[in-house]
């Protein structure tokens, strides 16, 4: 159930208002995409920093910069061209930061590197994009008033683009009367994921909408709408690492479907274990699949899991593991 997760995320974005924004020069040494500055502006880090600073972005080692962001993708050592500045590692992949190259790092791992490291898994950034997408008058998910995500005028196309998602979230259609399971992947180099798909598909057909194990004859363009038409979503990470939790489980929650998850062995710290099927909890794939079949054939057990709060709670209040918030991220970045 996505709404309580959205509420908790919006709560974590609250920061004090300021009247003056000082300038901040940020260089990008090795970011994603062909247009690195354009891509960085879509990132949650840019969104957070621009609440506090007037940001100047560039990619020139000869220009002054207060900090420079780099990633392990491609030429990671490009960041060494930037002198007399703070080098910050950021990754969306299962990569450990190299503190010989970088002064600071933001990643997945549960590292204790004093004030030089912040754990901010990719799923938190995905929540940022989901919050942006539901600033819409027709969305079944509602943003809290006066949040950072309601400052822009809302759009009016969500229901038009997500008719099935809106119907199932709003109770207009029965979540039990959906297809069995969905699967969307573009990376074929994931042996565990491929093996589980084959095992589950042998029991009950799994609909593949990506380029891997595709059963539709085309790649789906609207992942959220596609996932919402199935009771379960097979959301395995490409690889396994402690703390490595990406956007995949968020996409399932958003689409009002139960995640069948494999990846971080410590994922239950990030998400309520009663709200998803954690394949790592079972001795083998057969045992995990037996549990999925049980949920599939037992109405109350399925609905109980579907409507669980995705986050763990303390004294009845949902929270992000390690109290992740905009304030915590800003405090980390201000140390530079």
C-alpha atoms as a PDB file:
ATOM      1  CA  UNK A   1       0.000   0.000   0.000  1.00  0.00           C
ATOM      2  CA  UNK A   2       1.747   3.102  -1.247  1.00  0.00           C
ATOM      3  CA  UNK A   3      -0.072   5.999   0.450  1.00  0.00           C
ATOM      4  CA  UNK A   4       1.500   5.560   3.931  1.00  0.00           C
ATOM      5  CA  UNK A   5       4.909   5.254   2.285  1.00  0.00           C
ATOM      6  CA  UNK A   6       4.267   8.492   0.399  1.00  0.00           C
ATOM      7  CA  UNK A   7       3.112  10.200   3.607  1.00  0.00           C
ATOM      8  CA  UNK A   8       6.293   9.153   5.397  1.00  0.00           C
ATOM      9  CA  UNK A   9       8.439  10.342   2.511  1.00  0.00           C
ATOM     10  CA  UNK A  10       6.751  13.753   2.437  1.00  0.00           C
ATOM     11  CA  UNK A  11       7.239  13.976   6.189  1.00  0.00           C
ATOM     12  CA  UNK A  12      10.952  13.301   5.708  1.00  0.00           C
ATOM     13  CA  UNK A  13      11.287  16.199   3.250  1.00  0.00           C
ATOM     14  CA  UNK A  14      10.426  18.947   5.741  1.00  0.00           C
ATOM     15  CA  UNK A  15      13.187  21.518   6.163  1.00  0.00           C
ATOM     16  CA  UNK A  16      13.279  25.034   7.536  1.00  0.00           C
ATOM     17  CA  UNK A  17      12.557  27.819   5.096  1.00  0.00           C
ATOM     18  CA  UNK A  18      15.299  30.348   4.382  1.00  0.00           C
ATOM     19  CA  UNK A  19      15.163  33.848   2.922  1.00  0.00           C
ATOM     20  CA  UNK A  20      18.622  33.942   1.342  1.00  0.00           C
ATOM     21  CA  UNK A  21      20.217  31.275  -0.851  1.00  0.00           C
ATOM     22  CA  UNK A  22      24.008  31.469  -1.143  1.00  0.00           C
ATOM     23  CA  UNK A  23      25.642  30.365  -4.411  1.00  0.00           C
ATOM     24  CA  UNK A  24      26.980  26.821  -4.775  1.00  0.00           C
ATOM     25  CA  UNK A  25      29.242  25.812  -7.653  1.00  0.00           C
ATOM     26  CA  UNK A  26      28.818  22.134  -8.519  1.00  0.00           C
ATOM     27  CA  UNK A  27      30.902  20.317 -11.102  1.00  0.00           C
ATOM     28  CA  UNK A  28      29.907  17.025 -12.717  1.00  0.00           C
ATOM     29  CA  UNK A  29      32.881  14.841 -13.562  1.00  0.00           C
ATOM     30  CA  UNK A  30      31.164  11.617 -14.481  1.00  0.00           C
ATOM     31  CA  UNK A  31      27.384  11.507 -14.329  1.00  0.00           C
ATOM     32  CA  UNK A  32      24.774   9.412 -16.133  1.00  0.00           C
ATOM     33  CA  UNK A  33      23.490   9.955 -19.658  1.00  0.00           C
ATOM     34  CA  UNK A  34      24.718  11.869 -22.674  1.00  0.00           C
ATOM     35  CA  UNK A  35      23.551  15.184 -21.214  1.00  0.00           C
ATOM     36  CA  UNK A  36      24.998  15.018 -17.718  1.00  0.00           C
ATOM     37  CA  UNK A  37      23.805  18.413 -16.466  1.00  0.00           C
ATOM     38  CA  UNK A  38      20.268  17.730 -17.682  1.00  0.00           C
ATOM     39  CA  UNK A  39      20.282  14.339 -15.958  1.00  0.00           C
ATOM     40  CA  UNK A  40      21.672  15.747 -12.706  1.00  0.00           C
ATOM     41  CA  UNK A  41      18.822  18.252 -12.553  1.00  0.00           C
ATOM     42  CA  UNK A  42      16.400  15.303 -12.393  1.00  0.00           C
ATOM     43  CA  UNK A  43      18.194  13.830  -9.393  1.00  0.00           C
ATOM     44  CA  UNK A  44      16.958  14.114  -5.817  1.00  0.00           C
ATOM     45  CA  UNK A  45      20.298  15.638  -4.761  1.00  0.00           C
ATOM     46  CA  UNK A  46      19.760  18.617  -7.050  1.00  0.00           C
ATOM     47  CA  UNK A  47      16.186  18.995  -5.798  1.00  0.00           C
ATOM     48  CA  UNK A  48      17.368  19.024  -2.183  1.00  0.00           C
ATOM     49  CA  UNK A  49      20.322  21.344  -2.723  1.00  0.00           C
ATOM     50  CA  UNK A  50      18.317  23.909  -4.672  1.00  0.00           C
ATOM     51  CA  UNK A  51      16.098  24.397  -1.619  1.00  0.00           C
ATOM     52  CA  UNK A  52      19.137  25.923   0.097  1.00  0.00           C
ATOM     53  CA  UNK A  53      21.435  27.240  -2.641  1.00  0.00           C
ATOM     54  CA  UNK A  54      21.579  29.041  -5.955  1.00  0.00           C
ATOM     55  CA  UNK A  55      23.263  26.298  -7.925  1.00  0.00           C
ATOM     56  CA  UNK A  56      25.723  26.816 -10.752  1.00  0.00           C
ATOM     57  CA  UNK A  57      26.452  23.612 -12.682  1.00  0.00           C
ATOM     58  CA  UNK A  58      29.393  23.021 -14.996  1.00  0.00           C
ATOM     59  CA  UNK A  59      31.771  20.353 -16.321  1.00  0.00           C
ATOM     60  CA  UNK A  60      34.999  22.332 -16.598  1.00  0.00           C
ATOM     61  CA  UNK A  61      37.952  21.367 -14.337  1.00  0.00           C
ATOM     62  CA  UNK A  62      39.402  24.856 -14.859  1.00  0.00           C
ATOM     63  CA  UNK A  63      36.370  26.595 -13.373  1.00  0.00           C
ATOM     64  CA  UNK A  64      35.984  26.972  -9.596  1.00  0.00           C
ATOM     65  CA  UNK A  65      33.726  24.482  -7.838  1.00  0.00           C
ATOM     66  CA  UNK A  66      32.681  23.959  -4.243  1.00  0.00           C
ATOM     67  CA  UNK A  67      32.183  20.269  -4.836  1.00  0.00           C
ATOM     68  CA  UNK A  68      32.274  17.820  -7.725  1.00  0.00           C
ATOM     69  CA  UNK A  69      30.056  14.777  -8.139  1.00  0.00           C
ATOM     70  CA  UNK A  70      31.260  11.617  -9.819  1.00  0.00           C
ATOM     71  CA  UNK A  71      30.050   8.056 -10.271  1.00  0.00           C
ATOM     72  CA  UNK A  72      31.722   4.687 -10.910  1.00  0.00           C
ATOM     73  CA  UNK A  73      30.182   4.530 -14.389  1.00  0.00           C
ATOM     74  CA  UNK A  74      32.679   4.994 -17.224  1.00  0.00           C
ATOM     75  CA  UNK A  75      35.827   7.019 -16.516  1.00  0.00           C
ATOM     76  CA  UNK A  76      35.672   7.334 -12.744  1.00  0.00           C
ATOM     77  CA  UNK A  77      39.174   8.804 -12.595  1.00  0.00           C
ATOM     78  CA  UNK A  78      37.991  11.823 -14.561  1.00  0.00           C
ATOM     79  CA  UNK A  79      37.228  13.331 -11.175  1.00  0.00           C
ATOM     80  CA  UNK A  80      40.975  13.646 -10.470  1.00  0.00           C
ATOM     81  CA  UNK A  81      41.059  16.511 -12.976  1.00  0.00           C
ATOM     82  CA  UNK A  82      39.236  18.610 -10.405  1.00  0.00           C
ATOM     83  CA  UNK A  83      41.671  20.078  -7.885  1.00  0.00           C
ATOM     84  CA  UNK A  84      41.097  22.127  -4.730  1.00  0.00           C
ATOM     85  CA  UNK A  85      37.515  20.937  -4.323  1.00  0.00           C
ATOM     86  CA  UNK A  86      35.611  18.208  -2.519  1.00  0.00           C
ATOM     87  CA  UNK A  87      35.052  15.073  -4.607  1.00  0.00           C
ATOM     88  CA  UNK A  88      31.773  13.288  -3.904  1.00  0.00           C
ATOM     89  CA  UNK A  89      31.012   9.723  -4.989  1.00  0.00           C
ATOM     90  CA  UNK A  90      27.401   8.882  -5.852  1.00  0.00           C
ATOM     91  CA  UNK A  91      26.115   5.634  -7.282  1.00  0.00           C
ATOM     92  CA  UNK A  92      22.938   3.879  -8.312  1.00  0.00           C
ATOM     93  CA  UNK A  93      24.817   0.623  -8.825  1.00  0.00           C
ATOM     94  CA  UNK A  94      26.079  -2.094  -6.491  1.00  0.00           C
ATOM     95  CA  UNK A  95      29.452  -0.374  -6.099  1.00  0.00           C
ATOM     96  CA  UNK A  96      31.582   0.354  -3.043  1.00  0.00           C
ATOM     97  CA  UNK A  97      33.099   3.872  -2.935  1.00  0.00           C
ATOM     98  CA  UNK A  98      36.840   4.275  -3.382  1.00  0.00           C
ATOM     99  CA  UNK A  99      37.909   6.738  -0.707  1.00  0.00           C
ATOM    100  CA  UNK A 100      41.300   7.098  -2.378  1.00  0.00           C
ATOM    101  CA  UNK A 101      39.536   8.843  -5.260  1.00  0.00           C
ATOM    102  CA  UNK A 102      36.725  10.527  -3.355  1.00  0.00           C
ATOM    103  CA  UNK A 103      36.613  12.682  -0.240  1.00  0.00           C
ATOM    104  CA  UNK A 104      32.991  11.812   0.495  1.00  0.00           C
ATOM    105  CA  UNK A 105      30.505   9.225  -0.709  1.00  0.00           C
ATOM    106  CA  UNK A 106      26.775   8.554  -0.960  1.00  0.00           C
ATOM    107  CA  UNK A 107      25.745   4.975  -1.622  1.00  0.00           C
ATOM    108  CA  UNK A 108      23.961   1.791  -0.542  1.00  0.00           C
ATOM    109  CA  UNK A 109      26.446   0.115   1.740  1.00  0.00           C
ATOM    110  CA  UNK A 110      26.127   0.172   5.497  1.00  0.00           C
ATOM    111  CA  UNK A 111      29.572   1.657   6.025  1.00  0.00           C
ATOM    112  CA  UNK A 112      30.880   3.436   9.078  1.00  0.00           C
ATOM    113  CA  UNK A 113      33.243   6.020   7.638  1.00  0.00           C
ATOM    114  CA  UNK A 114      32.468   8.746  10.146  1.00  0.00           C
ATOM    115  CA  UNK A 115      31.405  11.977   8.458  1.00  0.00           C
ATOM    116  CA  UNK A 116      32.650  10.928   5.007  1.00  0.00           C
ATOM    117  CA  UNK A 117      29.807   8.583   4.105  1.00  0.00           C
ATOM    118  CA  UNK A 118      26.009   8.741   3.860  1.00  0.00           C
ATOM    119  CA  UNK A 119      23.774   5.785   3.086  1.00  0.00           C
ATOM    120  CA  UNK A 120      21.040   6.918   0.700  1.00  0.00           C
ATOM    121  CA  UNK A 121      19.720   3.959  -1.314  1.00  0.00           C
ATOM    122  CA  UNK A 122      18.315   4.528  -4.775  1.00  0.00           C
ATOM    123  CA  UNK A 123      14.789   3.764  -3.581  1.00  0.00           C
ATOM    124  CA  UNK A 124      14.723   7.094  -1.710  1.00  0.00           C
ATOM    125  CA  UNK A 125      15.399   8.936  -4.947  1.00  0.00           C
ATOM    126  CA  UNK A 126      12.649   6.920  -6.634  1.00  0.00           C
ATOM    127  CA  UNK A 127      10.203   8.173  -4.024  1.00  0.00           C
ATOM    128  CA  UNK A 128      11.158  11.708  -5.038  1.00  0.00           C
ATOM    129  CA  UNK A 129      10.135  10.986  -8.631  1.00  0.00           C
ATOM    130  CA  UNK A 130       6.934   9.256  -7.539  1.00  0.00           C
ATOM    131  CA  UNK A 131       6.021  12.268  -5.404  1.00  0.00           C
ATOM    132  CA  UNK A 132       6.542  14.535  -8.411  1.00  0.00           C
ATOM    133  CA  UNK A 133       4.329  12.307 -10.556  1.00  0.00           C
ATOM    134  CA  UNK A 134       1.350  12.354  -8.169  1.00  0.00           C
ATOM    135  CA  UNK A 135       1.135  16.139  -7.987  1.00  0.00           C
ATOM    136  CA  UNK A 136      -1.923  15.651 -10.161  1.00  0.00           C
ATOM    137  CA  UNK A 137      -5.602  16.299  -9.566  1.00  0.00           C
ATOM    138  CA  UNK A 138      -6.554  12.825 -10.833  1.00  0.00           C
ATOM    139  CA  UNK A 139      -3.983  10.775  -8.892  1.00  0.00           C
ATOM    140  CA  UNK A 140      -5.290   8.206  -6.379  1.00  0.00           C
ATOM    141  CA  UNK A 141      -2.368   9.122  -4.124  1.00  0.00           C
ATOM    142  CA  UNK A 142      -2.552  12.414  -2.264  1.00  0.00           C
ATOM    143  CA  UNK A 143       0.252  14.759  -1.255  1.00  0.00           C
ATOM    144  CA  UNK A 144       0.160  16.624   2.023  1.00  0.00           C
ATOM    145  CA  UNK A 145      -0.603  20.321   1.690  1.00  0.00           C
ATOM    146  CA  UNK A 146       2.306  22.759   1.768  1.00  0.00           C
ATOM    147  CA  UNK A 147       4.884  20.130   0.859  1.00  0.00           C
ATOM    148  CA  UNK A 148       7.772  20.865  -1.493  1.00  0.00           C
ATOM    149  CA  UNK A 149       5.960  18.790  -4.110  1.00  0.00           C
ATOM    150  CA  UNK A 150       2.815  20.916  -4.188  1.00  0.00           C
ATOM    151  CA  UNK A 151       4.598  24.186  -4.969  1.00  0.00           C
ATOM    152  CA  UNK A 152       4.117  23.646  -8.704  1.00  0.00           C
ATOM    153  CA  UNK A 153       0.666  23.668 -10.277  1.00  0.00           C
ATOM    154  CA  UNK A 154      -0.708  20.116 -10.463  1.00  0.00           C
ATOM    155  CA  UNK A 155      -1.165  18.279 -13.734  1.00  0.00           C
ATOM    156  CA  UNK A 156      -4.388  16.535 -14.770  1.00  0.00           C
ATOM    157  CA  UNK A 157      -3.302  13.457 -16.743  1.00  0.00           C
ATOM    158  CA  UNK A 158      -2.522  10.758 -14.174  1.00  0.00           C
ATOM    159  CA  UNK A 159      -5.826   8.876 -14.438  1.00  0.00           C
ATOM    160  CA  UNK A 160      -5.768   9.089 -18.212  1.00  0.00           C
ATOM    161  CA  UNK A 161      -2.306   7.509 -18.251  1.00  0.00           C
ATOM    162  CA  UNK A 162      -2.965   5.029 -15.414  1.00  0.00           C
ATOM    163  CA  UNK A 163      -6.612   3.908 -15.637  1.00  0.00           C
ATOM    164  CA  UNK A 164      -6.050   0.428 -14.176  1.00  0.00           C
ATOM    165  CA  UNK A 165      -3.804   1.700 -11.391  1.00  0.00           C
ATOM    166  CA  UNK A 166      -6.345   4.327 -10.372  1.00  0.00           C
ATOM    167  CA  UNK A 167      -9.193   1.825 -10.466  1.00  0.00           C
ATOM    168  CA  UNK A 168      -7.514  -0.746  -8.226  1.00  0.00           C
ATOM    169  CA  UNK A 169      -6.174   1.807  -5.722  1.00  0.00           C
ATOM    170  CA  UNK A 170      -9.562   3.538  -5.508  1.00  0.00           C
ATOM    171  CA  UNK A 171     -11.374   0.233  -4.961  1.00  0.00           C
ATOM    172  CA  UNK A 172     -13.209   0.337  -8.285  1.00  0.00           C
ATOM    173  CA  UNK A 173     -11.766  -3.034  -9.289  1.00  0.00           C
ATOM    174  CA  UNK A 174     -10.998  -6.117  -7.212  1.00  0.00           C
ATOM    175  CA  UNK A 175      -7.244  -6.531  -6.543  1.00  0.00           C
ATOM    176  CA  UNK A 176      -7.809 -10.296  -6.366  1.00  0.00           C
ATOM    177  CA  UNK A 177      -9.190 -10.426  -9.907  1.00  0.00           C
ATOM    178  CA  UNK A 178      -5.932  -9.511 -11.599  1.00  0.00           C
ATOM    179  CA  UNK A 179      -3.340 -11.497 -13.496  1.00  0.00           C
ATOM    180  CA  UNK A 180      -0.917 -13.620 -11.491  1.00  0.00           C
ATOM    181  CA  UNK A 181       2.485 -11.932 -11.722  1.00  0.00           C
ATOM    182  CA  UNK A 182       4.432  -9.416 -13.788  1.00  0.00           C
ATOM    183  CA  UNK A 183       8.094  -9.153 -14.684  1.00  0.00           C
ATOM    184  CA  UNK A 184       9.955  -6.229 -16.261  1.00  0.00           C
ATOM    185  CA  UNK A 185      13.704  -6.383 -16.813  1.00  0.00           C
ATOM    186  CA  UNK A 186      16.165  -5.143 -19.416  1.00  0.00           C
ATOM    187  CA  UNK A 187      19.392  -6.683 -18.105  1.00  0.00           C
ATOM    188  CA  UNK A 188      19.711 -10.383 -19.046  1.00  0.00           C
ATOM    189  CA  UNK A 189      22.836 -10.832 -16.902  1.00  0.00           C
ATOM    190  CA  UNK A 190      21.036 -11.762 -13.687  1.00  0.00           C
ATOM    191  CA  UNK A 191      21.194 -15.565 -13.239  1.00  0.00           C
ATOM    192  CA  UNK A 192      19.250 -15.668  -9.953  1.00  0.00           C
ATOM    193  CA  UNK A 193      16.436 -13.567 -11.347  1.00  0.00           C
ATOM    194  CA  UNK A 194      16.231 -15.560 -14.558  1.00  0.00           C
ATOM    195  CA  UNK A 195      16.201 -18.862 -12.661  1.00  0.00           C
ATOM    196  CA  UNK A 196      13.427 -17.744 -10.317  1.00  0.00           C
ATOM    197  CA  UNK A 197      11.361 -16.491 -13.239  1.00  0.00           C
ATOM    198  CA  UNK A 198      11.616 -19.887 -14.924  1.00  0.00           C
ATOM    199  CA  UNK A 199      10.685 -21.721 -11.721  1.00  0.00           C
ATOM    200  CA  UNK A 200       7.700 -19.473 -10.968  1.00  0.00           C
ATOM    201  CA  UNK A 201       6.562 -19.438 -14.584  1.00  0.00           C
ATOM    202  CA  UNK A 202       6.465 -23.247 -14.573  1.00  0.00           C
ATOM    203  CA  UNK A 203       3.836 -23.095 -11.814  1.00  0.00           C
ATOM    204  CA  UNK A 204       1.746 -20.195 -13.110  1.00  0.00           C
ATOM    205  CA  UNK A 205       2.364 -18.023 -16.196  1.00  0.00           C
ATOM    206  CA  UNK A 206       4.312 -14.838 -15.426  1.00  0.00           C
ATOM    207  CA  UNK A 207       3.753 -11.973 -17.853  1.00  0.00           C
ATOM    208  CA  UNK A 208       6.983 -10.377 -19.054  1.00  0.00           C
ATOM    209  CA  UNK A 209       6.814  -6.787 -20.245  1.00  0.00           C
ATOM    210  CA  UNK A 210      10.514  -5.964 -20.622  1.00  0.00           C
ATOM    211  CA  UNK A 211      13.167  -7.076 -23.076  1.00  0.00           C
ATOM    212  CA  UNK A 212      14.078 -10.078 -20.872  1.00  0.00           C
ATOM    213  CA  UNK A 213      11.593 -13.010 -20.837  1.00  0.00           C
ATOM    214  CA  UNK A 214       9.093 -10.969 -22.816  1.00  0.00           C
ATOM    215  CA  UNK A 215       5.711 -12.627 -23.334  1.00  0.00           C
ATOM    216  CA  UNK A 216       3.790  -9.711 -24.846  1.00  0.00           C
ATOM    217  CA  UNK A 217       5.655  -9.239 -28.112  1.00  0.00           C
ATOM    218  CA  UNK A 218       6.473  -5.631 -27.203  1.00  0.00           C
ATOM    219  CA  UNK A 219       8.103  -3.712 -24.351  1.00  0.00           C
ATOM    220  CA  UNK A 220       5.689  -1.903 -22.068  1.00  0.00           C
ATOM    221  CA  UNK A 221       6.068   1.882 -21.993  1.00  0.00           C
ATOM    222  CA  UNK A 222       4.146   2.525 -18.782  1.00  0.00           C
ATOM    223  CA  UNK A 223       5.616   0.232 -16.145  1.00  0.00           C
ATOM    224  CA  UNK A 224       3.370   1.385 -13.295  1.00  0.00           C
ATOM    225  CA  UNK A 225       0.187   0.809 -15.259  1.00  0.00           C
ATOM    226  CA  UNK A 226       1.423  -2.599 -16.404  1.00  0.00           C
ATOM    227  CA  UNK A 227       2.372  -3.773 -12.902  1.00  0.00           C
ATOM    228  CA  UNK A 228      -0.987  -2.678 -11.477  1.00  0.00           C
ATOM    229  CA  UNK A 229      -2.755  -5.324 -13.564  1.00  0.00           C
ATOM    230  CA  UNK A 230      -1.122  -8.199 -11.643  1.00  0.00           C
ATOM    231  CA  UNK A 231      -1.240  -9.481  -8.066  1.00  0.00           C
ATOM    232  CA  UNK A 232       2.523  -9.893  -7.740  1.00  0.00           C
ATOM    233  CA  UNK A 233       5.610  -8.316  -9.249  1.00  0.00           C
ATOM    234  CA  UNK A 234       8.872 -10.179  -9.566  1.00  0.00           C
ATOM    235  CA  UNK A 235      11.369  -7.486  -8.537  1.00  0.00           C
ATOM    236  CA  UNK A 236      14.810  -9.004  -8.158  1.00  0.00           C
ATOM    237  CA  UNK A 237      17.903  -6.821  -8.014  1.00  0.00           C
ATOM    238  CA  UNK A 238      20.503  -7.368 -10.742  1.00  0.00           C
ATOM    239  CA  UNK A 239      22.968  -8.428  -8.054  1.00  0.00           C
ATOM    240  CA  UNK A 240      23.110  -8.958  -4.307  1.00  0.00           C
ATOM    241  CA  UNK A 241      24.749  -6.771  -1.694  1.00  0.00           C
ATOM    242  CA  UNK A 242      23.964  -5.756   1.875  1.00  0.00           C
ATOM    243  CA  UNK A 243      22.011  -2.515   1.717  1.00  0.00           C
ATOM    244  CA  UNK A 244      21.702  -2.594  -2.075  1.00  0.00           C
ATOM    245  CA  UNK A 245      18.003  -1.757  -2.467  1.00  0.00           C
ATOM    246  CA  UNK A 246      17.007   0.029  -5.664  1.00  0.00           C
ATOM    247  CA  UNK A 247      13.846   1.456  -7.173  1.00  0.00           C
ATOM    248  CA  UNK A 248      12.371  -1.940  -8.060  1.00  0.00           C
ATOM    249  CA  UNK A 249      10.505  -2.564  -4.811  1.00  0.00           C
ATOM    250  CA  UNK A 250       9.156   1.018  -4.854  1.00  0.00           C
ATOM    251  CA  UNK A 251       7.741   0.489  -8.345  1.00  0.00           C
ATOM    252  CA  UNK A 252       5.792  -2.517  -7.058  1.00  0.00           C
ATOM    253  CA  UNK A 253       4.403  -0.708  -4.014  1.00  0.00           C
ATOM    254  CA  UNK A 254       3.404   2.250  -6.194  1.00  0.00           C
ATOM    255  CA  UNK A 255       1.497  -0.081  -8.529  1.00  0.00           C
ATOM    256  CA  UNK A 256      -0.495  -1.664  -5.668  1.00  0.00           C
ATOM    257  CA  UNK A 257       1.005  -5.083  -6.236  1.00  0.00           C
ATOM    258  CA  UNK A 258       2.945  -7.339  -3.864  1.00  0.00           C
ATOM    259  CA  UNK A 259       6.717  -7.341  -4.450  1.00  0.00           C
ATOM    260  CA  UNK A 260       8.469 -10.698  -4.755  1.00  0.00           C
ATOM    261  CA  UNK A 261      11.895  -9.420  -3.806  1.00  0.00           C
ATOM    262  CA  UNK A 262      15.421 -10.796  -3.920  1.00  0.00           C
ATOM    263  CA  UNK A 263      18.527  -8.732  -3.299  1.00  0.00           C
ATOM    264  CA  UNK A 264      19.793  -7.123  -0.131  1.00  0.00           C
ATOM    265  CA  UNK A 265      19.854  -9.669   2.732  1.00  0.00           C
ATOM    266  CA  UNK A 266      19.138  -6.748   5.073  1.00  0.00           C
ATOM    267  CA  UNK A 267      16.143  -5.377   3.152  1.00  0.00           C
ATOM    268  CA  UNK A 268      13.873  -5.918   6.187  1.00  0.00           C
ATOM    269  CA  UNK A 269      15.644  -2.966   7.818  1.00  0.00           C
ATOM    270  CA  UNK A 270      14.428  -0.739   4.989  1.00  0.00           C
ATOM    271  CA  UNK A 271      10.957  -2.209   4.476  1.00  0.00           C
ATOM    272  CA  UNK A 272       8.353  -3.974   6.577  1.00  0.00           C
ATOM    273  CA  UNK A 273       8.848  -7.728   5.993  1.00  0.00           C
ATOM    274  CA  UNK A 274       5.080  -8.265   6.280  1.00  0.00           C
ATOM    275  CA  UNK A 275       4.522  -6.133   3.157  1.00  0.00           C
ATOM    276  CA  UNK A 276       6.451  -8.204   0.606  1.00  0.00           C
ATOM    277  CA  UNK A 277       7.732 -11.682  -0.168  1.00  0.00           C
ATOM    278  CA  UNK A 278      11.434 -11.769   0.670  1.00  0.00           C
ATOM    279  CA  UNK A 279      12.914 -14.676  -1.268  1.00  0.00           C
ATOM    280  CA  UNK A 280      16.024 -14.511   0.931  1.00  0.00           C
ATOM    281  CA  UNK A 281      13.899 -15.611   3.903  1.00  0.00           C
ATOM    282  CA  UNK A 282      13.377 -19.070   2.433  1.00  0.00           C
ATOM    283  CA  UNK A 283      15.795 -21.992   2.238  1.00  0.00           C
ATOM    284  CA  UNK A 284      15.384 -22.268  -1.549  1.00  0.00           C
ATOM    285  CA  UNK A 285      13.311 -21.047  -4.489  1.00  0.00           C
ATOM    286  CA  UNK A 286      10.814 -23.909  -4.159  1.00  0.00           C
ATOM    287  CA  UNK A 287       9.933 -22.893  -0.615  1.00  0.00           C
ATOM    288  CA  UNK A 288       9.561 -19.236  -1.653  1.00  0.00           C
ATOM    289  CA  UNK A 289       7.318 -20.202  -4.562  1.00  0.00           C
ATOM    290  CA  UNK A 290       5.164 -22.326  -2.255  1.00  0.00           C
ATOM    291  CA  UNK A 291       4.604 -19.207  -0.146  1.00  0.00           C
ATOM    292  CA  UNK A 292       3.669 -17.162  -3.220  1.00  0.00           C
ATOM    293  CA  UNK A 293       1.182 -19.867  -4.225  1.00  0.00           C
ATOM    294  CA  UNK A 294      -0.292 -19.791  -0.712  1.00  0.00           C
ATOM    295  CA  UNK A 295      -0.840 -16.033  -0.920  1.00  0.00           C
ATOM    296  CA  UNK A 296      -2.259 -16.413  -4.418  1.00  0.00           C
ATOM    297  CA  UNK A 297      -4.866 -18.935  -3.243  1.00  0.00           C
ATOM    298  CA  UNK A 298      -5.711 -17.506   0.184  1.00  0.00           C
ATOM    299  CA  UNK A 299      -7.644 -14.260  -0.090  1.00  0.00           C
ATOM    300  CA  UNK A 300      -7.181 -12.935   3.431  1.00  0.00           C
ATOM    301  CA  UNK A 301      -3.443 -13.655   3.542  1.00  0.00           C
ATOM    302  CA  UNK A 302      -2.965 -11.877   0.223  1.00  0.00           C
ATOM    303  CA  UNK A 303      -4.978  -8.823   1.234  1.00  0.00           C
ATOM    304  CA  UNK A 304      -3.256  -8.590   4.610  1.00  0.00           C
ATOM    305  CA  UNK A 305       0.113  -8.329   2.887  1.00  0.00           C
ATOM    306  CA  UNK A 306      -1.156  -5.993   0.148  1.00  0.00           C
ATOM    307  CA  UNK A 307      -2.463  -3.452   2.673  1.00  0.00           C
ATOM    308  CA  UNK A 308       0.477  -3.544   5.088  1.00  0.00           C
ATOM    309  CA  UNK A 309       2.446  -0.338   5.591  1.00  0.00           C
ATOM    310  CA  UNK A 310       5.596  -0.774   3.475  1.00  0.00           C
ATOM    311  CA  UNK A 311       7.729   0.846   6.174  1.00  0.00           C
ATOM    312  CA  UNK A 312       8.590  -0.448   9.599  1.00  0.00           C
ATOM    313  CA  UNK A 313       6.964   1.407  12.480  1.00  0.00           C
ATOM    314  CA  UNK A 314       8.005   2.485  15.950  1.00  0.00           C
ATOM    315  CA  UNK A 315       5.295   3.383  18.451  1.00  0.00           C
ATOM    316  CA  UNK A 316       2.834   3.363  15.573  1.00  0.00           C
ATOM    317  CA  UNK A 317       4.829   5.791  13.426  1.00  0.00           C
ATOM    318  CA  UNK A 318       6.403   4.758  10.129  1.00  0.00           C
ATOM    319  CA  UNK A 319      10.057   5.644   9.690  1.00  0.00           C
ATOM    320  CA  UNK A 320      12.914   5.334   7.224  1.00  0.00           C
ATOM    321  CA  UNK A 321      15.831   3.200   8.301  1.00  0.00           C
ATOM    322  CA  UNK A 322      18.625   5.320   9.830  1.00  0.00           C
ATOM    323  CA  UNK A 323      16.179   8.258   9.871  1.00  0.00           C
ATOM    324  CA  UNK A 324      16.899   9.175   6.273  1.00  0.00           C
ATOM    325  CA  UNK A 325      15.524  12.629   5.468  1.00  0.00           C
ATOM    326  CA  UNK A 326      16.193  15.797   3.486  1.00  0.00           C
ATOM    327  CA  UNK A 327      17.605  17.380   6.634  1.00  0.00           C
ATOM    328  CA  UNK A 328      20.030  14.512   7.160  1.00  0.00           C
ATOM    329  CA  UNK A 329      21.164  14.703   3.535  1.00  0.00           C
ATOM    330  CA  UNK A 330      21.584  18.482   3.708  1.00  0.00           C
ATOM    331  CA  UNK A 331      23.527  18.239   6.959  1.00  0.00           C
ATOM    332  CA  UNK A 332      25.860  15.729   5.320  1.00  0.00           C
ATOM    333  CA  UNK A 333      26.397  17.893   2.243  1.00  0.00           C
ATOM    334  CA  UNK A 334      26.925  21.051   4.329  1.00  0.00           C
ATOM    335  CA  UNK A 335      30.009  19.464   5.909  1.00  0.00           C
ATOM    336  CA  UNK A 336      31.889  20.025   2.689  1.00  0.00           C
END
